[in-house]
């Protein structure tokens, strides 16, 4: 994760000039889910971004109680819980499980019980476990080979699509509150922006709602944070985010047209734009006409219906079709 942090630093310090080379704690905020591994991920990312940061300076990491966390879906939401139950009984899940079982040779495992353990596990959990072991060069469990890892993660992507990609309400109630927080902090940044018109440059990257947001907000979550988000915005489907993946929402401010302006950026109203970047690659937003830079007002119109207006009421009142 420190290597990923180095690439993040390269983009936002050197390429875009959003952050200074010298560590400035006021320019960055950190939030993580309340899990040791995601907290450690956040800290290693910062260490990669700022390798010379004084280690004597503690980092403040914002944590939320599990029942108040919005960075992943909750089965306590009645509709989400019912959808999970329905999926577990579905033909789609049965097909994926049969595909997983056929991938392995039962005789290669230590025992039938161990074969059953790996073929009955949650696909996302199995993908994460195997990808982590394989990526760090650790031995894989007996019966599982390196070429199996990509296949398992492809099947996990199919499971994510089956759960979140067939009913818009699932992403709305699963990750929509967090998407709404992303929108709120971008709104706050636009409203509080008092900069004069300068050369085209990013104003901030934001993923949680706070007043007077810092320039950069780092959110450390899970694959079931990113997967529902990218499906909610139709960025892609049927994908299990690789280990170390990140999704960024970058806010840009337009400058007046000039002869030296880059033709790749708009040169007329509106003034603000949002760009989504997945694993360091800008991704066109389908709902915004596949534009890389989506006008901010259009981005608001896209995100708003994907965010629950009354989460608890919708959780209780939405019914399976």
C-alpha atoms as a PDB file:
ATOM      1  CA  UNK A   1       0.000   0.000   0.000  1.00  0.00           C
ATOM      2  CA  UNK A   2       2.951   2.296   0.494  1.00  0.00           C
ATOM      3  CA  UNK A   3       3.752   1.883  -3.216  1.00  0.00           C
ATOM      4  CA  UNK A   4       0.178   2.904  -4.053  1.00  0.00           C
ATOM      5  CA  UNK A   5       0.639   5.929  -1.803  1.00  0.00           C
ATOM      6  CA  UNK A   6       3.745   6.895  -3.780  1.00  0.00           C
ATOM      7  CA  UNK A   7       1.672   6.887  -6.987  1.00  0.00           C
ATOM      8  CA  UNK A   8      -1.064   8.924  -5.296  1.00  0.00           C
ATOM      9  CA  UNK A   9       1.577  11.436  -4.214  1.00  0.00           C
ATOM     10  CA  UNK A  10       2.966  11.539  -7.726  1.00  0.00           C
ATOM     11  CA  UNK A  11      -0.448  12.427  -9.153  1.00  0.00           C
ATOM     12  CA  UNK A  12      -1.547  15.042  -6.656  1.00  0.00           C
ATOM     13  CA  UNK A  13       1.797  16.615  -5.818  1.00  0.00           C
ATOM     14  CA  UNK A  14       3.771  16.494  -9.056  1.00  0.00           C
ATOM     15  CA  UNK A  15       1.269  16.026 -11.900  1.00  0.00           C
ATOM     16  CA  UNK A  16      -1.633  18.174 -10.702  1.00  0.00           C
ATOM     17  CA  UNK A  17      -0.018  20.395  -8.104  1.00  0.00           C
ATOM     18  CA  UNK A  18      -2.882  19.998  -5.635  1.00  0.00           C
ATOM     19  CA  UNK A  19      -0.649  19.183  -2.667  1.00  0.00           C
ATOM     20  CA  UNK A  20       2.692  20.618  -1.590  1.00  0.00           C
ATOM     21  CA  UNK A  21       5.819  18.482  -1.529  1.00  0.00           C
ATOM     22  CA  UNK A  22       6.286  19.309   2.150  1.00  0.00           C
ATOM     23  CA  UNK A  23       3.989  17.550   4.599  1.00  0.00           C
ATOM     24  CA  UNK A  24       1.106  19.772   5.710  1.00  0.00           C
ATOM     25  CA  UNK A  25      -1.394  17.961   7.967  1.00  0.00           C
ATOM     26  CA  UNK A  26      -4.017  20.673   7.425  1.00  0.00           C
ATOM     27  CA  UNK A  27      -4.213  19.811   3.708  1.00  0.00           C
ATOM     28  CA  UNK A  28      -5.252  16.202   4.266  1.00  0.00           C
ATOM     29  CA  UNK A  29      -7.984  14.419   6.235  1.00  0.00           C
ATOM     30  CA  UNK A  30      -8.259  10.677   6.811  1.00  0.00           C
ATOM     31  CA  UNK A  31     -11.282   8.528   7.404  1.00  0.00           C
ATOM     32  CA  UNK A  32     -11.345   4.750   7.680  1.00  0.00           C
ATOM     33  CA  UNK A  33     -13.799   2.034   8.481  1.00  0.00           C
ATOM     34  CA  UNK A  34     -13.291   0.702  11.986  1.00  0.00           C
ATOM     35  CA  UNK A  35     -11.037  -2.165  10.967  1.00  0.00           C
ATOM     36  CA  UNK A  36      -7.371  -2.658  11.772  1.00  0.00           C
ATOM     37  CA  UNK A  37      -6.486  -3.506   8.177  1.00  0.00           C
ATOM     38  CA  UNK A  38      -8.175  -0.427   6.682  1.00  0.00           C
ATOM     39  CA  UNK A  39      -6.646   1.863   9.305  1.00  0.00           C
ATOM     40  CA  UNK A  40      -3.202   0.409   8.554  1.00  0.00           C
ATOM     41  CA  UNK A  41      -3.895   0.836   4.832  1.00  0.00           C
ATOM     42  CA  UNK A  42      -4.652   4.531   5.337  1.00  0.00           C
ATOM     43  CA  UNK A  43      -1.468   5.059   7.352  1.00  0.00           C
ATOM     44  CA  UNK A  44       0.697   3.279   4.782  1.00  0.00           C
ATOM     45  CA  UNK A  45      -0.851   5.308   1.965  1.00  0.00           C
ATOM     46  CA  UNK A  46       0.072   8.527   3.754  1.00  0.00           C
ATOM     47  CA  UNK A  47       3.579   7.211   4.408  1.00  0.00           C
ATOM     48  CA  UNK A  48       3.905   6.509   0.697  1.00  0.00           C
ATOM     49  CA  UNK A  49       2.625   9.964  -0.231  1.00  0.00           C
ATOM     50  CA  UNK A  50       4.965  11.663   2.254  1.00  0.00           C
ATOM     51  CA  UNK A  51       7.953   9.399   2.917  1.00  0.00           C
ATOM     52  CA  UNK A  52       9.717  12.200   4.832  1.00  0.00           C
ATOM     53  CA  UNK A  53       6.751  12.974   7.056  1.00  0.00           C
ATOM     54  CA  UNK A  54       7.889  13.229  10.695  1.00  0.00           C
ATOM     55  CA  UNK A  55       6.843   9.910  12.247  1.00  0.00           C
ATOM     56  CA  UNK A  56       6.617  11.608  15.633  1.00  0.00           C
ATOM     57  CA  UNK A  57       3.540  13.489  14.426  1.00  0.00           C
ATOM     58  CA  UNK A  58       0.424  11.370  15.051  1.00  0.00           C
ATOM     59  CA  UNK A  59      -2.177  11.091  12.303  1.00  0.00           C
ATOM     60  CA  UNK A  60      -5.832  11.694  13.097  1.00  0.00           C
ATOM     61  CA  UNK A  61      -8.053   9.019  11.572  1.00  0.00           C
ATOM     62  CA  UNK A  62     -11.810   9.550  11.707  1.00  0.00           C
ATOM     63  CA  UNK A  63     -13.718   6.383  12.634  1.00  0.00           C
ATOM     64  CA  UNK A  64     -17.457   5.763  12.795  1.00  0.00           C
ATOM     65  CA  UNK A  65     -19.350   3.243  14.876  1.00  0.00           C
ATOM     66  CA  UNK A  66     -20.227   0.124  12.888  1.00  0.00           C
ATOM     67  CA  UNK A  67     -23.965   0.804  13.009  1.00  0.00           C
ATOM     68  CA  UNK A  68     -23.354   4.354  11.735  1.00  0.00           C
ATOM     69  CA  UNK A  69     -20.856   3.446   9.002  1.00  0.00           C
ATOM     70  CA  UNK A  70     -21.924   4.358   5.478  1.00  0.00           C
ATOM     71  CA  UNK A  71     -18.888   3.064   3.599  1.00  0.00           C
ATOM     72  CA  UNK A  72     -20.335  -0.410   3.017  1.00  0.00           C
ATOM     73  CA  UNK A  73     -23.816  -1.977   2.750  1.00  0.00           C
ATOM     74  CA  UNK A  74     -25.647  -3.121   5.864  1.00  0.00           C
ATOM     75  CA  UNK A  75     -27.890  -6.159   5.960  1.00  0.00           C
ATOM     76  CA  UNK A  76     -29.679  -4.413   8.851  1.00  0.00           C
ATOM     77  CA  UNK A  77     -31.393  -2.390   6.118  1.00  0.00           C
ATOM     78  CA  UNK A  78     -34.448  -4.601   5.560  1.00  0.00           C
ATOM     79  CA  UNK A  79     -34.376  -4.303   1.771  1.00  0.00           C
ATOM     80  CA  UNK A  80     -30.634  -5.001   1.553  1.00  0.00           C
ATOM     81  CA  UNK A  81     -30.970  -7.953   3.926  1.00  0.00           C
ATOM     82  CA  UNK A  82     -33.863  -9.389   1.909  1.00  0.00           C
ATOM     83  CA  UNK A  83     -31.865  -9.002  -1.304  1.00  0.00           C
ATOM     84  CA  UNK A  84     -28.935 -10.895   0.222  1.00  0.00           C
ATOM     85  CA  UNK A  85     -31.253 -13.710   1.286  1.00  0.00           C
ATOM     86  CA  UNK A  86     -32.872 -13.823  -2.138  1.00  0.00           C
ATOM     87  CA  UNK A  87     -29.485 -13.975  -3.845  1.00  0.00           C
ATOM     88  CA  UNK A  88     -28.301 -16.862  -1.656  1.00  0.00           C
ATOM     89  CA  UNK A  89     -31.278 -18.893  -2.904  1.00  0.00           C
ATOM     90  CA  UNK A  90     -31.029 -17.760  -6.526  1.00  0.00           C
ATOM     91  CA  UNK A  91     -30.076 -19.693  -9.648  1.00  0.00           C
ATOM     92  CA  UNK A  92     -27.396 -17.081 -10.324  1.00  0.00           C
ATOM     93  CA  UNK A  93     -25.603 -17.894  -7.094  1.00  0.00           C
ATOM     94  CA  UNK A  94     -25.948 -21.615  -7.690  1.00  0.00           C
ATOM     95  CA  UNK A  95     -24.344 -21.238 -11.125  1.00  0.00           C
ATOM     96  CA  UNK A  96     -21.434 -19.246  -9.675  1.00  0.00           C
ATOM     97  CA  UNK A  97     -20.908 -21.801  -6.906  1.00  0.00           C
ATOM     98  CA  UNK A  98     -20.935 -24.664  -9.422  1.00  0.00           C
ATOM     99  CA  UNK A  99     -18.375 -22.782 -11.495  1.00  0.00           C
ATOM    100  CA  UNK A 100     -16.180 -22.368  -8.408  1.00  0.00           C
ATOM    101  CA  UNK A 101     -16.487 -26.038  -7.460  1.00  0.00           C
ATOM    102  CA  UNK A 102     -15.526 -27.124 -10.973  1.00  0.00           C
ATOM    103  CA  UNK A 103     -12.428 -24.909 -10.900  1.00  0.00           C
ATOM    104  CA  UNK A 104     -10.717 -27.063  -8.274  1.00  0.00           C
ATOM    105  CA  UNK A 105      -9.856 -30.751  -8.167  1.00  0.00           C
ATOM    106  CA  UNK A 106     -11.167 -32.171  -4.916  1.00  0.00           C
ATOM    107  CA  UNK A 107      -8.382 -34.765  -4.795  1.00  0.00           C
ATOM    108  CA  UNK A 108      -5.751 -32.002  -4.623  1.00  0.00           C
ATOM    109  CA  UNK A 109      -6.958 -30.806  -1.220  1.00  0.00           C
ATOM    110  CA  UNK A 110      -5.894 -32.156   2.152  1.00  0.00           C
ATOM    111  CA  UNK A 111      -9.411 -33.353   2.840  1.00  0.00           C
ATOM    112  CA  UNK A 112     -12.955 -33.175   1.539  1.00  0.00           C
ATOM    113  CA  UNK A 113     -13.760 -30.823   4.410  1.00  0.00           C
ATOM    114  CA  UNK A 114     -11.099 -28.371   3.269  1.00  0.00           C
ATOM    115  CA  UNK A 115     -12.345 -28.556  -0.320  1.00  0.00           C
ATOM    116  CA  UNK A 116     -15.858 -27.811   0.942  1.00  0.00           C
ATOM    117  CA  UNK A 117     -14.539 -24.888   3.000  1.00  0.00           C
ATOM    118  CA  UNK A 118     -13.008 -23.138  -0.018  1.00  0.00           C
ATOM    119  CA  UNK A 119     -15.823 -23.876  -2.449  1.00  0.00           C
ATOM    120  CA  UNK A 120     -18.530 -22.646  -0.065  1.00  0.00           C
ATOM    121  CA  UNK A 121     -16.876 -19.421   1.046  1.00  0.00           C
ATOM    122  CA  UNK A 122     -18.101 -16.011   0.010  1.00  0.00           C
ATOM    123  CA  UNK A 123     -16.539 -15.275  -3.386  1.00  0.00           C
ATOM    124  CA  UNK A 124     -15.393 -11.733  -2.459  1.00  0.00           C
ATOM    125  CA  UNK A 125     -13.806 -13.027   0.756  1.00  0.00           C
ATOM    126  CA  UNK A 126     -12.098 -15.876  -1.088  1.00  0.00           C
ATOM    127  CA  UNK A 127     -10.831 -13.538  -3.809  1.00  0.00           C
ATOM    128  CA  UNK A 128      -9.413 -11.145  -1.210  1.00  0.00           C
ATOM    129  CA  UNK A 129      -7.687 -13.932   0.720  1.00  0.00           C
ATOM    130  CA  UNK A 130      -6.131 -15.616  -2.297  1.00  0.00           C
ATOM    131  CA  UNK A 131      -5.152 -12.356  -4.025  1.00  0.00           C
ATOM    132  CA  UNK A 132      -3.434 -11.126  -0.856  1.00  0.00           C
ATOM    133  CA  UNK A 133      -1.487 -14.363  -0.373  1.00  0.00           C
ATOM    134  CA  UNK A 134      -0.538 -14.576  -4.043  1.00  0.00           C
ATOM    135  CA  UNK A 135       0.343 -10.888  -4.343  1.00  0.00           C
ATOM    136  CA  UNK A 136       2.755 -11.080  -1.406  1.00  0.00           C
ATOM    137  CA  UNK A 137       4.332 -14.337  -2.545  1.00  0.00           C
ATOM    138  CA  UNK A 138       2.941 -16.430   0.298  1.00  0.00           C
ATOM    139  CA  UNK A 139       2.041 -20.097  -0.299  1.00  0.00           C
ATOM    140  CA  UNK A 140      -1.530 -20.716  -1.418  1.00  0.00           C
ATOM    141  CA  UNK A 141      -3.627 -23.374   0.339  1.00  0.00           C
ATOM    142  CA  UNK A 142      -3.036 -26.909  -0.880  1.00  0.00           C
ATOM    143  CA  UNK A 143      -5.243 -27.570  -3.897  1.00  0.00           C
ATOM    144  CA  UNK A 144      -5.238 -23.946  -5.067  1.00  0.00           C
ATOM    145  CA  UNK A 145      -2.758 -22.760  -7.706  1.00  0.00           C
ATOM    146  CA  UNK A 146      -1.724 -19.320  -8.850  1.00  0.00           C
ATOM    147  CA  UNK A 147      -3.766 -19.534 -12.047  1.00  0.00           C
ATOM    148  CA  UNK A 148      -6.876 -20.087  -9.940  1.00  0.00           C
ATOM    149  CA  UNK A 149      -6.669 -16.650  -8.311  1.00  0.00           C
ATOM    150  CA  UNK A 150      -7.772 -14.572 -11.308  1.00  0.00           C
ATOM    151  CA  UNK A 151     -10.595 -17.014 -12.027  1.00  0.00           C
ATOM    152  CA  UNK A 152     -11.882 -16.780  -8.461  1.00  0.00           C
ATOM    153  CA  UNK A 153     -11.819 -12.966  -8.609  1.00  0.00           C
ATOM    154  CA  UNK A 154     -13.661 -13.003 -11.951  1.00  0.00           C
ATOM    155  CA  UNK A 155     -16.364 -15.121 -10.325  1.00  0.00           C
ATOM    156  CA  UNK A 156     -16.470 -12.674  -7.432  1.00  0.00           C
ATOM    157  CA  UNK A 157     -17.116  -9.909  -9.966  1.00  0.00           C
ATOM    158  CA  UNK A 158     -20.047 -11.941 -11.298  1.00  0.00           C
ATOM    159  CA  UNK A 159     -21.383 -12.219  -7.752  1.00  0.00           C
ATOM    160  CA  UNK A 160     -21.062  -8.478  -7.201  1.00  0.00           C
ATOM    161  CA  UNK A 161     -22.986  -7.877 -10.414  1.00  0.00           C
ATOM    162  CA  UNK A 162     -25.692 -10.376  -9.440  1.00  0.00           C
ATOM    163  CA  UNK A 163     -26.142  -8.696  -6.054  1.00  0.00           C
ATOM    164  CA  UNK A 164     -25.778  -4.992  -6.936  1.00  0.00           C
ATOM    165  CA  UNK A 165     -26.081  -4.727 -10.697  1.00  0.00           C
ATOM    166  CA  UNK A 166     -29.624  -5.951 -11.321  1.00  0.00           C
ATOM    167  CA  UNK A 167     -31.664  -3.593  -9.128  1.00  0.00           C
ATOM    168  CA  UNK A 168     -30.782   0.100  -8.791  1.00  0.00           C
ATOM    169  CA  UNK A 169     -32.335   0.154  -5.316  1.00  0.00           C
ATOM    170  CA  UNK A 170     -29.595  -2.156  -4.060  1.00  0.00           C
ATOM    171  CA  UNK A 171     -26.786   0.299  -4.766  1.00  0.00           C
ATOM    172  CA  UNK A 172     -28.974   3.199  -3.644  1.00  0.00           C
ATOM    173  CA  UNK A 173     -29.586   1.671  -0.207  1.00  0.00           C
ATOM    174  CA  UNK A 174     -26.286  -0.200  -0.052  1.00  0.00           C
ATOM    175  CA  UNK A 175     -23.822   2.601  -0.793  1.00  0.00           C
ATOM    176  CA  UNK A 176     -26.024   5.603  -1.676  1.00  0.00           C
ATOM    177  CA  UNK A 177     -25.560   7.350   1.653  1.00  0.00           C
ATOM    178  CA  UNK A 178     -21.806   7.363   1.162  1.00  0.00           C
ATOM    179  CA  UNK A 179     -22.205   8.582  -2.414  1.00  0.00           C
ATOM    180  CA  UNK A 180     -24.358  11.384  -1.000  1.00  0.00           C
ATOM    181  CA  UNK A 181     -21.582  12.308   1.414  1.00  0.00           C
ATOM    182  CA  UNK A 182     -19.131  12.503  -1.468  1.00  0.00           C
ATOM    183  CA  UNK A 183     -21.511  14.853  -3.259  1.00  0.00           C
ATOM    184  CA  UNK A 184     -22.011  16.983  -0.142  1.00  0.00           C
ATOM    185  CA  UNK A 185     -18.317  17.602   0.350  1.00  0.00           C
ATOM    186  CA  UNK A 186     -17.894  18.518  -3.304  1.00  0.00           C
ATOM    187  CA  UNK A 187     -20.803  20.954  -2.902  1.00  0.00           C
ATOM    188  CA  UNK A 188     -19.118  22.410   0.168  1.00  0.00           C
ATOM    189  CA  UNK A 189     -15.908  22.888  -1.768  1.00  0.00           C
ATOM    190  CA  UNK A 190     -17.692  24.669  -4.609  1.00  0.00           C
ATOM    191  CA  UNK A 191     -19.597  26.902  -2.204  1.00  0.00           C
ATOM    192  CA  UNK A 192     -16.527  27.783  -0.150  1.00  0.00           C
ATOM    193  CA  UNK A 193     -14.228  28.336  -3.088  1.00  0.00           C
ATOM    194  CA  UNK A 194     -12.866  31.864  -3.048  1.00  0.00           C
ATOM    195  CA  UNK A 195      -9.887  31.390  -5.312  1.00  0.00           C
ATOM    196  CA  UNK A 196      -9.344  33.771  -8.181  1.00  0.00           C
ATOM    197  CA  UNK A 197      -9.410  32.379 -11.702  1.00  0.00           C
ATOM    198  CA  UNK A 198      -6.025  30.766 -12.310  1.00  0.00           C
ATOM    199  CA  UNK A 199      -4.666  28.181 -14.686  1.00  0.00           C
ATOM    200  CA  UNK A 200      -6.775  25.039 -14.883  1.00  0.00           C
ATOM    201  CA  UNK A 201      -6.013  22.999 -11.793  1.00  0.00           C
ATOM    202  CA  UNK A 202      -7.723  20.619  -9.366  1.00  0.00           C
ATOM    203  CA  UNK A 203      -9.265  22.226  -6.298  1.00  0.00           C
ATOM    204  CA  UNK A 204      -9.706  19.079  -4.293  1.00  0.00           C
ATOM    205  CA  UNK A 205     -10.373  15.384  -4.025  1.00  0.00           C
ATOM    206  CA  UNK A 206     -13.174  14.645  -1.597  1.00  0.00           C
ATOM    207  CA  UNK A 207     -14.887  11.569  -0.230  1.00  0.00           C
ATOM    208  CA  UNK A 208     -16.660  12.606   2.957  1.00  0.00           C
ATOM    209  CA  UNK A 209     -18.808  15.538   4.003  1.00  0.00           C
ATOM    210  CA  UNK A 210     -17.148  18.099   6.277  1.00  0.00           C
ATOM    211  CA  UNK A 211     -17.341  21.868   6.481  1.00  0.00           C
ATOM    212  CA  UNK A 212     -14.404  23.705   4.932  1.00  0.00           C
ATOM    213  CA  UNK A 213     -12.960  20.453   3.562  1.00  0.00           C
ATOM    214  CA  UNK A 214      -9.207  20.131   3.195  1.00  0.00           C
ATOM    215  CA  UNK A 215      -7.665  19.795  -0.235  1.00  0.00           C
ATOM    216  CA  UNK A 216      -7.396  16.021  -0.041  1.00  0.00           C
ATOM    217  CA  UNK A 217      -9.535  13.488   1.784  1.00  0.00           C
ATOM    218  CA  UNK A 218      -8.369   9.917   2.063  1.00  0.00           C
ATOM    219  CA  UNK A 219     -11.049   7.266   2.695  1.00  0.00           C
ATOM    220  CA  UNK A 220      -9.910   3.742   3.471  1.00  0.00           C
ATOM    221  CA  UNK A 221     -12.582   1.099   2.932  1.00  0.00           C
ATOM    222  CA  UNK A 222     -13.158  -2.275   1.341  1.00  0.00           C
ATOM    223  CA  UNK A 223     -13.913  -3.964  -1.965  1.00  0.00           C
ATOM    224  CA  UNK A 224     -17.593  -3.718  -0.972  1.00  0.00           C
ATOM    225  CA  UNK A 225     -17.092   0.038  -0.770  1.00  0.00           C
ATOM    226  CA  UNK A 226     -15.691   0.454  -4.281  1.00  0.00           C
ATOM    227  CA  UNK A 227     -17.644  -2.273  -6.120  1.00  0.00           C
ATOM    228  CA  UNK A 228     -21.118  -0.868  -5.291  1.00  0.00           C
ATOM    229  CA  UNK A 229     -19.883   2.691  -5.967  1.00  0.00           C
ATOM    230  CA  UNK A 230     -18.637   1.947  -9.472  1.00  0.00           C
ATOM    231  CA  UNK A 231     -21.862   0.072 -10.238  1.00  0.00           C
ATOM    232  CA  UNK A 232     -24.013   2.865  -8.819  1.00  0.00           C
ATOM    233  CA  UNK A 233     -22.424   5.277 -11.296  1.00  0.00           C
ATOM    234  CA  UNK A 234     -22.384   2.671 -14.114  1.00  0.00           C
ATOM    235  CA  UNK A 235     -18.624   3.061 -14.433  1.00  0.00           C
ATOM    236  CA  UNK A 236     -18.271  -0.695 -14.895  1.00  0.00           C
ATOM    237  CA  UNK A 237     -19.988  -3.872 -13.821  1.00  0.00           C
ATOM    238  CA  UNK A 238     -19.081  -7.415 -12.958  1.00  0.00           C
ATOM    239  CA  UNK A 239     -15.713  -6.408 -11.510  1.00  0.00           C
ATOM    240  CA  UNK A 240     -14.068  -7.292  -8.219  1.00  0.00           C
ATOM    241  CA  UNK A 241     -11.768  -4.335  -7.431  1.00  0.00           C
ATOM    242  CA  UNK A 242      -8.164  -5.589  -7.354  1.00  0.00           C
ATOM    243  CA  UNK A 243      -6.277  -5.341  -4.075  1.00  0.00           C
ATOM    244  CA  UNK A 244      -5.071  -1.774  -3.534  1.00  0.00           C
ATOM    245  CA  UNK A 245      -7.732  -0.272  -5.796  1.00  0.00           C
ATOM    246  CA  UNK A 246      -8.900   3.302  -5.380  1.00  0.00           C
ATOM    247  CA  UNK A 247     -11.669   5.491  -6.754  1.00  0.00           C
ATOM    248  CA  UNK A 248     -11.137   9.259  -6.741  1.00  0.00           C
ATOM    249  CA  UNK A 249     -13.562  12.125  -7.302  1.00  0.00           C
ATOM    250  CA  UNK A 250     -11.615  15.156  -8.452  1.00  0.00           C
ATOM    251  CA  UNK A 251     -13.104  18.644  -8.509  1.00  0.00           C
ATOM    252  CA  UNK A 252     -11.820  21.037 -11.169  1.00  0.00           C
ATOM    253  CA  UNK A 253     -12.343  24.760 -11.664  1.00  0.00           C
ATOM    254  CA  UNK A 254     -12.381  26.217 -15.163  1.00  0.00           C
ATOM    255  CA  UNK A 255     -10.276  29.190 -16.197  1.00  0.00           C
ATOM    256  CA  UNK A 256     -11.196  31.815 -18.784  1.00  0.00           C
ATOM    257  CA  UNK A 257     -10.312  30.759 -22.307  1.00  0.00           C
ATOM    258  CA  UNK A 258      -6.925  31.790 -23.623  1.00  0.00           C
ATOM    259  CA  UNK A 259      -4.707  30.915 -26.537  1.00  0.00           C
ATOM    260  CA  UNK A 260      -2.611  28.721 -24.254  1.00  0.00           C
ATOM    261  CA  UNK A 261      -5.558  26.822 -22.701  1.00  0.00           C
ATOM    262  CA  UNK A 262      -5.503  23.058 -23.154  1.00  0.00           C
ATOM    263  CA  UNK A 263      -8.068  21.905 -25.698  1.00  0.00           C
ATOM    264  CA  UNK A 264      -8.743  18.835 -23.555  1.00  0.00           C
ATOM    265  CA  UNK A 265     -10.649  20.933 -21.006  1.00  0.00           C
ATOM    266  CA  UNK A 266     -13.903  22.848 -21.561  1.00  0.00           C
ATOM    267  CA  UNK A 267     -13.541  26.589 -22.144  1.00  0.00           C
ATOM    268  CA  UNK A 268     -17.056  27.836 -21.378  1.00  0.00           C
ATOM    269  CA  UNK A 269     -19.659  27.599 -18.641  1.00  0.00           C
ATOM    270  CA  UNK A 270     -20.266  25.801 -16.333  1.00  0.00           C
ATOM    271  CA  UNK A 271     -17.386  26.634 -14.071  1.00  0.00           C
ATOM    272  CA  UNK A 272     -16.852  23.411 -12.076  1.00  0.00           C
ATOM    273  CA  UNK A 273     -16.328  19.835 -13.214  1.00  0.00           C
ATOM    274  CA  UNK A 274     -15.981  16.417 -11.596  1.00  0.00           C
ATOM    275  CA  UNK A 275     -13.682  13.710 -12.895  1.00  0.00           C
ATOM    276  CA  UNK A 276     -13.763  10.119 -11.656  1.00  0.00           C
ATOM    277  CA  UNK A 277     -10.432   8.289 -11.605  1.00  0.00           C
ATOM    278  CA  UNK A 278     -10.272   4.532 -11.029  1.00  0.00           C
ATOM    279  CA  UNK A 279      -6.846   3.071 -10.320  1.00  0.00           C
ATOM    280  CA  UNK A 280      -5.116   6.150 -11.762  1.00  0.00           C
ATOM    281  CA  UNK A 281      -7.115   6.137 -15.006  1.00  0.00           C
ATOM    282  CA  UNK A 282      -9.809   8.780 -15.675  1.00  0.00           C
ATOM    283  CA  UNK A 283     -13.086   7.005 -16.411  1.00  0.00           C
ATOM    284  CA  UNK A 284     -15.846   8.504 -18.590  1.00  0.00           C
ATOM    285  CA  UNK A 285     -19.143   8.895 -16.750  1.00  0.00           C
ATOM    286  CA  UNK A 286     -21.870   7.196 -18.850  1.00  0.00           C
ATOM    287  CA  UNK A 287     -24.730   9.184 -17.315  1.00  0.00           C
ATOM    288  CA  UNK A 288     -22.859  12.376 -18.251  1.00  0.00           C
ATOM    289  CA  UNK A 289     -22.597  11.550 -21.934  1.00  0.00           C
ATOM    290  CA  UNK A 290     -19.366   9.599 -21.354  1.00  0.00           C
ATOM    291  CA  UNK A 291     -17.521  12.813 -20.583  1.00  0.00           C
ATOM    292  CA  UNK A 292     -14.301  12.659 -18.604  1.00  0.00           C
ATOM    293  CA  UNK A 293     -15.006  16.055 -17.063  1.00  0.00           C
ATOM    294  CA  UNK A 294     -18.655  16.130 -16.043  1.00  0.00           C
ATOM    295  CA  UNK A 295     -20.165  19.582 -15.412  1.00  0.00           C
ATOM    296  CA  UNK A 296     -20.777  19.846 -11.699  1.00  0.00           C
ATOM    297  CA  UNK A 297     -24.490  20.658 -12.023  1.00  0.00           C
ATOM    298  CA  UNK A 298     -24.925  17.562 -14.179  1.00  0.00           C
ATOM    299  CA  UNK A 299     -23.001  15.471 -11.667  1.00  0.00           C
ATOM    300  CA  UNK A 300     -25.402  16.641  -8.940  1.00  0.00           C
ATOM    301  CA  UNK A 301     -28.380  15.590 -11.086  1.00  0.00           C
ATOM    302  CA  UNK A 302     -26.809  12.176 -11.676  1.00  0.00           C
ATOM    303  CA  UNK A 303     -25.930  11.457  -8.049  1.00  0.00           C
ATOM    304  CA  UNK A 304     -29.051  12.797  -6.312  1.00  0.00           C
ATOM    305  CA  UNK A 305     -31.482  10.031  -7.406  1.00  0.00           C
ATOM    306  CA  UNK A 306     -28.841   7.436  -6.508  1.00  0.00           C
ATOM    307  CA  UNK A 307     -28.859   8.647  -2.887  1.00  0.00           C
ATOM    308  CA  UNK A 308     -31.695   7.743  -0.481  1.00  0.00           C
ATOM    309  CA  UNK A 309     -33.724  10.746   0.676  1.00  0.00           C
ATOM    310  CA  UNK A 310     -34.831   8.847   3.783  1.00  0.00           C
ATOM    311  CA  UNK A 311     -32.617   5.808   4.285  1.00  0.00           C
ATOM    312  CA  UNK A 312     -34.471   4.121   7.141  1.00  0.00           C
ATOM    313  CA  UNK A 313     -37.910   4.644   5.611  1.00  0.00           C
ATOM    314  CA  UNK A 314     -36.808   3.335   2.220  1.00  0.00           C
ATOM    315  CA  UNK A 315     -35.072   0.352   3.849  1.00  0.00           C
ATOM    316  CA  UNK A 316     -38.354  -0.607   5.541  1.00  0.00           C
ATOM    317  CA  UNK A 317     -40.752   0.167   2.697  1.00  0.00           C
ATOM    318  CA  UNK A 318     -38.963  -1.042  -0.450  1.00  0.00           C
ATOM    319  CA  UNK A 319     -40.033  -4.567  -1.398  1.00  0.00           C
ATOM    320  CA  UNK A 320     -38.455  -7.190  -3.637  1.00  0.00           C
ATOM    321  CA  UNK A 321     -39.996  -7.432  -7.088  1.00  0.00           C
END
